């Protein structure tokens, strides 16, 4: 059975790094894995999307998730999570950081940031798990670890082995940031349980 995980956020939030950790964990377990990324204008705060598809018992042929087949959406920013919501299966799970990063178009007088973004997600009937990852990472003294807080929550929901995920963090994250990221991962796991 193939599991589809969509990670979505804004450039600089560590969306790609989180998808690399998830992919590495799947490889460590000997699973089939495919991954695809869409960077957009990520260096200028634009949208970033990463598709991760894995299977412990079958082949994965395509790196991109078919429309409407996301099992777990990992939203690093509220509006980006709302944009990805139509891709989530009716009984899928959305794990979202309620942090708002106002797009430049809004700042320049464009359409307003939707104040009811979280309400819309909850009204969709999907399971919504709110994880204040940025706030928790601030408490750890490393805001760049917010992505791994969310990844911990996803690992709990996906029932991925903690020790394998921690080994993947050690392999992907720079050595000087490993300990704080392991702490961030543990926080995310606790918050999702």
C-alpha atoms as a PDB file:
ATOM      1  CA  UNK A   1       0.000   0.000   0.000  1.00  0.00           C
ATOM      2  CA  UNK A   2       1.314   3.445  -0.944  1.00  0.00           C
ATOM      3  CA  UNK A   3       1.217   6.302   1.562  1.00  0.00           C
ATOM      4  CA  UNK A   4       1.167   9.831   0.148  1.00  0.00           C
ATOM      5  CA  UNK A   5       2.526  12.760   2.169  1.00  0.00           C
ATOM      6  CA  UNK A   6       2.367  16.340   0.904  1.00  0.00           C
ATOM      7  CA  UNK A   7       4.597  18.873   2.646  1.00  0.00           C
ATOM      8  CA  UNK A   8       3.759  22.486   1.904  1.00  0.00           C
ATOM      9  CA  UNK A   9       5.143  25.762   3.161  1.00  0.00           C
ATOM     10  CA  UNK A  10       7.002  28.932   2.317  1.00  0.00           C
ATOM     11  CA  UNK A  11      10.616  29.228   1.214  1.00  0.00           C
ATOM     12  CA  UNK A  12      13.019  29.073   4.144  1.00  0.00           C
ATOM     13  CA  UNK A  13      10.824  26.970   6.438  1.00  0.00           C
ATOM     14  CA  UNK A  14      12.690  23.713   5.862  1.00  0.00           C
ATOM     15  CA  UNK A  15      10.012  21.969   3.820  1.00  0.00           C
ATOM     16  CA  UNK A  16      12.579  20.311   1.544  1.00  0.00           C
ATOM     17  CA  UNK A  17      14.778  19.262   4.481  1.00  0.00           C
ATOM     18  CA  UNK A  18      11.788  17.668   6.216  1.00  0.00           C
ATOM     19  CA  UNK A  19      10.943  15.720   3.063  1.00  0.00           C
ATOM     20  CA  UNK A  20      14.580  14.562   2.838  1.00  0.00           C
ATOM     21  CA  UNK A  21      14.435  13.264   6.420  1.00  0.00           C
ATOM     22  CA  UNK A  22      11.163  11.430   5.720  1.00  0.00           C
ATOM     23  CA  UNK A  23      12.553   9.917   2.518  1.00  0.00           C
ATOM     24  CA  UNK A  24      15.774   8.854   4.256  1.00  0.00           C
ATOM     25  CA  UNK A  25      13.784   7.149   7.036  1.00  0.00           C
ATOM     26  CA  UNK A  26      11.831   5.175   4.452  1.00  0.00           C
ATOM     27  CA  UNK A  27      15.069   4.141   2.706  1.00  0.00           C
ATOM     28  CA  UNK A  28      16.573   3.024   6.022  1.00  0.00           C
ATOM     29  CA  UNK A  29      13.610   0.670   6.434  1.00  0.00           C
ATOM     30  CA  UNK A  30      14.083  -0.748   2.932  1.00  0.00           C
ATOM     31  CA  UNK A  31      10.840   0.700   1.616  1.00  0.00           C
ATOM     32  CA  UNK A  32      10.083   1.873  -1.895  1.00  0.00           C
ATOM     33  CA  UNK A  33      10.194   5.688  -1.988  1.00  0.00           C
ATOM     34  CA  UNK A  34       9.721   8.440  -4.556  1.00  0.00           C
ATOM     35  CA  UNK A  35      10.007  12.168  -3.887  1.00  0.00           C
ATOM     36  CA  UNK A  36       9.329  15.291  -5.911  1.00  0.00           C
ATOM     37  CA  UNK A  37       9.714  18.991  -5.126  1.00  0.00           C
ATOM     38  CA  UNK A  38       8.298  22.237  -6.435  1.00  0.00           C
ATOM     39  CA  UNK A  39      10.363  25.211  -5.329  1.00  0.00           C
ATOM     40  CA  UNK A  40       8.540  28.089  -7.023  1.00  0.00           C
ATOM     41  CA  UNK A  41       9.904  31.419  -5.818  1.00  0.00           C
ATOM     42  CA  UNK A  42      11.072  29.809  -2.587  1.00  0.00           C
ATOM     43  CA  UNK A  43      14.060  32.112  -2.082  1.00  0.00           C
ATOM     44  CA  UNK A  44      11.679  35.051  -2.087  1.00  0.00           C
ATOM     45  CA  UNK A  45       9.166  33.593   0.339  1.00  0.00           C
ATOM     46  CA  UNK A  46       7.111  31.797  -2.300  1.00  0.00           C
ATOM     47  CA  UNK A  47       5.348  28.455  -2.074  1.00  0.00           C
ATOM     48  CA  UNK A  48       7.293  25.228  -1.659  1.00  0.00           C
ATOM     49  CA  UNK A  49       5.765  21.778  -2.095  1.00  0.00           C
ATOM     50  CA  UNK A  50       7.288  18.366  -1.662  1.00  0.00           C
ATOM     51  CA  UNK A  51       5.595  15.087  -2.504  1.00  0.00           C
ATOM     52  CA  UNK A  52       6.761  11.959  -0.675  1.00  0.00           C
ATOM     53  CA  UNK A  53       5.293   8.591  -1.641  1.00  0.00           C
ATOM     54  CA  UNK A  54       6.355   5.391   0.078  1.00  0.00           C
ATOM     55  CA  UNK A  55       5.362   1.764   0.420  1.00  0.00           C
ATOM     56  CA  UNK A  56       6.731  -0.965   2.691  1.00  0.00           C
ATOM     57  CA  UNK A  57       5.304  -3.736   0.519  1.00  0.00           C
ATOM     58  CA  UNK A  58       4.941  -2.598  -3.076  1.00  0.00           C
ATOM     59  CA  UNK A  59       6.313  -0.536  -5.930  1.00  0.00           C
ATOM     60  CA  UNK A  60       5.989   3.243  -6.160  1.00  0.00           C
ATOM     61  CA  UNK A  61       6.163   4.318  -9.790  1.00  0.00           C
ATOM     62  CA  UNK A  62       5.508   8.061  -9.758  1.00  0.00           C
ATOM     63  CA  UNK A  63       7.062  10.741  -7.516  1.00  0.00           C
ATOM     64  CA  UNK A  64       4.011  12.998  -7.686  1.00  0.00           C
ATOM     65  CA  UNK A  65       0.834  12.375  -5.738  1.00  0.00           C
ATOM     66  CA  UNK A  66      -2.291  11.986  -7.886  1.00  0.00           C
ATOM     67  CA  UNK A  67      -4.989  14.625  -7.351  1.00  0.00           C
ATOM     68  CA  UNK A  68      -7.029  14.052  -4.219  1.00  0.00           C
ATOM     69  CA  UNK A  69      -4.887  11.187  -2.897  1.00  0.00           C
ATOM     70  CA  UNK A  70      -2.881  12.854  -0.130  1.00  0.00           C
ATOM     71  CA  UNK A  71      -3.059  10.793   3.058  1.00  0.00           C
ATOM     72  CA  UNK A  72      -1.217  13.312   5.258  1.00  0.00           C
ATOM     73  CA  UNK A  73      -0.725  17.011   4.550  1.00  0.00           C
ATOM     74  CA  UNK A  74       2.058  18.619   6.542  1.00  0.00           C
ATOM     75  CA  UNK A  75       1.407  22.385   6.465  1.00  0.00           C
ATOM     76  CA  UNK A  76       4.303  24.545   7.612  1.00  0.00           C
ATOM     77  CA  UNK A  77       2.220  27.709   7.145  1.00  0.00           C
ATOM     78  CA  UNK A  78      -1.538  28.172   7.509  1.00  0.00           C
ATOM     79  CA  UNK A  79      -2.400  29.588   4.073  1.00  0.00           C
ATOM     80  CA  UNK A  80      -0.180  27.071   2.278  1.00  0.00           C
ATOM     81  CA  UNK A  81      -1.954  24.270   4.152  1.00  0.00           C
ATOM     82  CA  UNK A  82      -5.323  25.688   3.081  1.00  0.00           C
ATOM     83  CA  UNK A  83      -4.134  25.747  -0.542  1.00  0.00           C
ATOM     84  CA  UNK A  84      -3.135  22.086  -0.302  1.00  0.00           C
ATOM     85  CA  UNK A  85      -6.366  20.983   1.390  1.00  0.00           C
ATOM     86  CA  UNK A  86      -8.211  19.975  -1.844  1.00  0.00           C
ATOM     87  CA  UNK A  87      -5.473  17.401  -2.466  1.00  0.00           C
ATOM     88  CA  UNK A  88      -6.224  15.568   0.807  1.00  0.00           C
ATOM     89  CA  UNK A  89      -8.439  12.473   0.791  1.00  0.00           C
ATOM     90  CA  UNK A  90     -11.813  12.969   2.536  1.00  0.00           C
ATOM     91  CA  UNK A  91     -10.563  10.920   5.516  1.00  0.00           C
ATOM     92  CA  UNK A  92      -7.009  12.254   5.340  1.00  0.00           C
ATOM     93  CA  UNK A  93      -5.085  14.080   8.039  1.00  0.00           C
ATOM     94  CA  UNK A  94      -3.842  17.665   8.017  1.00  0.00           C
ATOM     95  CA  UNK A  95      -1.067  18.560  10.447  1.00  0.00           C
ATOM     96  CA  UNK A  96      -0.682  22.314  10.433  1.00  0.00           C
ATOM     97  CA  UNK A  97       1.337  24.990  12.169  1.00  0.00           C
ATOM     98  CA  UNK A  98      -1.058  27.928  12.744  1.00  0.00           C
ATOM     99  CA  UNK A  99       1.772  30.353  11.950  1.00  0.00           C
ATOM    100  CA  UNK A 100       0.870  33.004   9.384  1.00  0.00           C
ATOM    101  CA  UNK A 101       3.456  34.343   6.957  1.00  0.00           C
ATOM    102  CA  UNK A 102       1.835  37.136   4.997  1.00  0.00           C
ATOM    103  CA  UNK A 103       2.610  36.822   1.258  1.00  0.00           C
ATOM    104  CA  UNK A 104       4.157  39.811  -0.490  1.00  0.00           C
ATOM    105  CA  UNK A 105       1.030  40.182  -2.637  1.00  0.00           C
ATOM    106  CA  UNK A 106      -1.040  40.773   0.504  1.00  0.00           C
ATOM    107  CA  UNK A 107       1.551  43.172   1.901  1.00  0.00           C
ATOM    108  CA  UNK A 108       1.398  45.162  -1.349  1.00  0.00           C
ATOM    109  CA  UNK A 109      -2.368  45.604  -1.090  1.00  0.00           C
ATOM    110  CA  UNK A 110      -3.579  42.475  -2.864  1.00  0.00           C
ATOM    111  CA  UNK A 111      -6.218  40.072  -1.571  1.00  0.00           C
ATOM    112  CA  UNK A 112      -6.424  39.825   2.228  1.00  0.00           C
ATOM    113  CA  UNK A 113      -5.004  36.886   4.159  1.00  0.00           C
ATOM    114  CA  UNK A 114      -8.053  34.723   5.002  1.00  0.00           C
ATOM    115  CA  UNK A 115      -8.809  35.110   8.702  1.00  0.00           C
ATOM    116  CA  UNK A 116     -10.898  31.930   8.655  1.00  0.00           C
ATOM    117  CA  UNK A 117      -8.255  29.614   7.138  1.00  0.00           C
ATOM    118  CA  UNK A 118      -8.250  27.193  10.068  1.00  0.00           C
ATOM    119  CA  UNK A 119     -12.072  27.238  10.274  1.00  0.00           C
ATOM    120  CA  UNK A 120     -12.237  26.298   6.579  1.00  0.00           C
ATOM    121  CA  UNK A 121      -9.895  23.390   7.128  1.00  0.00           C
ATOM    122  CA  UNK A 122     -11.913  22.138  10.083  1.00  0.00           C
ATOM    123  CA  UNK A 123     -15.148  22.463   8.082  1.00  0.00           C
ATOM    124  CA  UNK A 124     -13.710  20.143   5.402  1.00  0.00           C
ATOM    125  CA  UNK A 125     -14.384  17.063   7.543  1.00  0.00           C
ATOM    126  CA  UNK A 126     -10.762  15.993   7.497  1.00  0.00           C
ATOM    127  CA  UNK A 127      -8.848  15.336  10.706  1.00  0.00           C
ATOM    128  CA  UNK A 128      -6.975  18.541  11.576  1.00  0.00           C
ATOM    129  CA  UNK A 129      -4.099  18.475  14.056  1.00  0.00           C
ATOM    130  CA  UNK A 130      -2.823  21.925  15.014  1.00  0.00           C
ATOM    131  CA  UNK A 131       0.817  21.877  16.105  1.00  0.00           C
ATOM    132  CA  UNK A 132       2.340  25.243  17.081  1.00  0.00           C
ATOM    133  CA  UNK A 133       5.718  24.136  15.726  1.00  0.00           C
ATOM    134  CA  UNK A 134       7.246  27.598  15.348  1.00  0.00           C
ATOM    135  CA  UNK A 135       6.357  28.496  18.953  1.00  0.00           C
ATOM    136  CA  UNK A 136       7.817  25.226  20.231  1.00  0.00           C
ATOM    137  CA  UNK A 137      10.991  25.678  18.207  1.00  0.00           C
ATOM    138  CA  UNK A 138      11.353  29.188  19.654  1.00  0.00           C
ATOM    139  CA  UNK A 139      11.243  27.663  23.147  1.00  0.00           C
ATOM    140  CA  UNK A 140      14.062  25.329  22.121  1.00  0.00           C
ATOM    141  CA  UNK A 141      16.054  28.354  20.971  1.00  0.00           C
ATOM    142  CA  UNK A 142      16.141  27.282  17.325  1.00  0.00           C
ATOM    143  CA  UNK A 143      13.260  28.448  15.126  1.00  0.00           C
ATOM    144  CA  UNK A 144      14.714  26.525  12.181  1.00  0.00           C
ATOM    145  CA  UNK A 145      13.720  23.305  13.974  1.00  0.00           C
ATOM    146  CA  UNK A 146       9.994  24.018  13.520  1.00  0.00           C
ATOM    147  CA  UNK A 147       9.997  21.770  10.460  1.00  0.00           C
ATOM    148  CA  UNK A 148      11.192  18.839  12.560  1.00  0.00           C
ATOM    149  CA  UNK A 149       8.532  19.494  15.219  1.00  0.00           C
ATOM    150  CA  UNK A 150       5.937  19.013  12.456  1.00  0.00           C
ATOM    151  CA  UNK A 151       7.820  15.993  11.156  1.00  0.00           C
ATOM    152  CA  UNK A 152       7.591  14.443  14.623  1.00  0.00           C
ATOM    153  CA  UNK A 153       3.829  14.911  14.592  1.00  0.00           C
ATOM    154  CA  UNK A 154       3.652  13.328  11.137  1.00  0.00           C
ATOM    155  CA  UNK A 155       5.772  10.374  12.275  1.00  0.00           C
ATOM    156  CA  UNK A 156       3.334   9.757  15.130  1.00  0.00           C
ATOM    157  CA  UNK A 157       0.330   9.872  12.786  1.00  0.00           C
ATOM    158  CA  UNK A 158       2.043   7.704  10.161  1.00  0.00           C
ATOM    159  CA  UNK A 159       3.204   5.274  12.858  1.00  0.00           C
ATOM    160  CA  UNK A 160       6.832   5.502  11.707  1.00  0.00           C
ATOM    161  CA  UNK A 161       9.502   4.033  13.981  1.00  0.00           C
ATOM    162  CA  UNK A 162      10.972   6.719  16.195  1.00  0.00           C
ATOM    163  CA  UNK A 163      14.498   5.292  16.174  1.00  0.00           C
ATOM    164  CA  UNK A 164      14.547   5.163  12.368  1.00  0.00           C
ATOM    165  CA  UNK A 165      13.312   8.751  12.091  1.00  0.00           C
ATOM    166  CA  UNK A 166      15.962   9.868  14.585  1.00  0.00           C
ATOM    167  CA  UNK A 167      18.676   8.111  12.562  1.00  0.00           C
ATOM    168  CA  UNK A 168      17.417   9.872   9.416  1.00  0.00           C
ATOM    169  CA  UNK A 169      17.651  13.221  11.242  1.00  0.00           C
ATOM    170  CA  UNK A 170      21.271  12.418  12.153  1.00  0.00           C
ATOM    171  CA  UNK A 171      22.024  11.627   8.492  1.00  0.00           C
ATOM    172  CA  UNK A 172      20.312  14.661   6.925  1.00  0.00           C
ATOM    173  CA  UNK A 173      20.691  17.529   9.412  1.00  0.00           C
ATOM    174  CA  UNK A 174      24.028  19.294   9.914  1.00  0.00           C
ATOM    175  CA  UNK A 175      25.949  17.832  12.868  1.00  0.00           C
ATOM    176  CA  UNK A 176      25.811  21.006  14.965  1.00  0.00           C
ATOM    177  CA  UNK A 177      22.002  21.063  14.762  1.00  0.00           C
ATOM    178  CA  UNK A 178      21.298  17.367  15.393  1.00  0.00           C
ATOM    179  CA  UNK A 179      20.599  17.541  19.140  1.00  0.00           C
ATOM    180  CA  UNK A 180      18.114  20.428  18.943  1.00  0.00           C
ATOM    181  CA  UNK A 181      16.385  18.728  16.003  1.00  0.00           C
ATOM    182  CA  UNK A 182      16.089  15.458  17.934  1.00  0.00           C
ATOM    183  CA  UNK A 183      14.488  17.423  20.778  1.00  0.00           C
ATOM    184  CA  UNK A 184      12.161  19.125  18.282  1.00  0.00           C
ATOM    185  CA  UNK A 185      11.209  15.763  16.805  1.00  0.00           C
ATOM    186  CA  UNK A 186      10.342  14.413  20.253  1.00  0.00           C
ATOM    187  CA  UNK A 187       8.121  17.430  20.939  1.00  0.00           C
ATOM    188  CA  UNK A 188       6.248  16.855  17.689  1.00  0.00           C
ATOM    189  CA  UNK A 189       5.656  13.190  18.473  1.00  0.00           C
ATOM    190  CA  UNK A 190       4.259  14.103  21.911  1.00  0.00           C
ATOM    191  CA  UNK A 191       1.998  16.809  20.505  1.00  0.00           C
ATOM    192  CA  UNK A 192       0.380  14.449  17.986  1.00  0.00           C
ATOM    193  CA  UNK A 193      -0.316  11.639  20.452  1.00  0.00           C
END
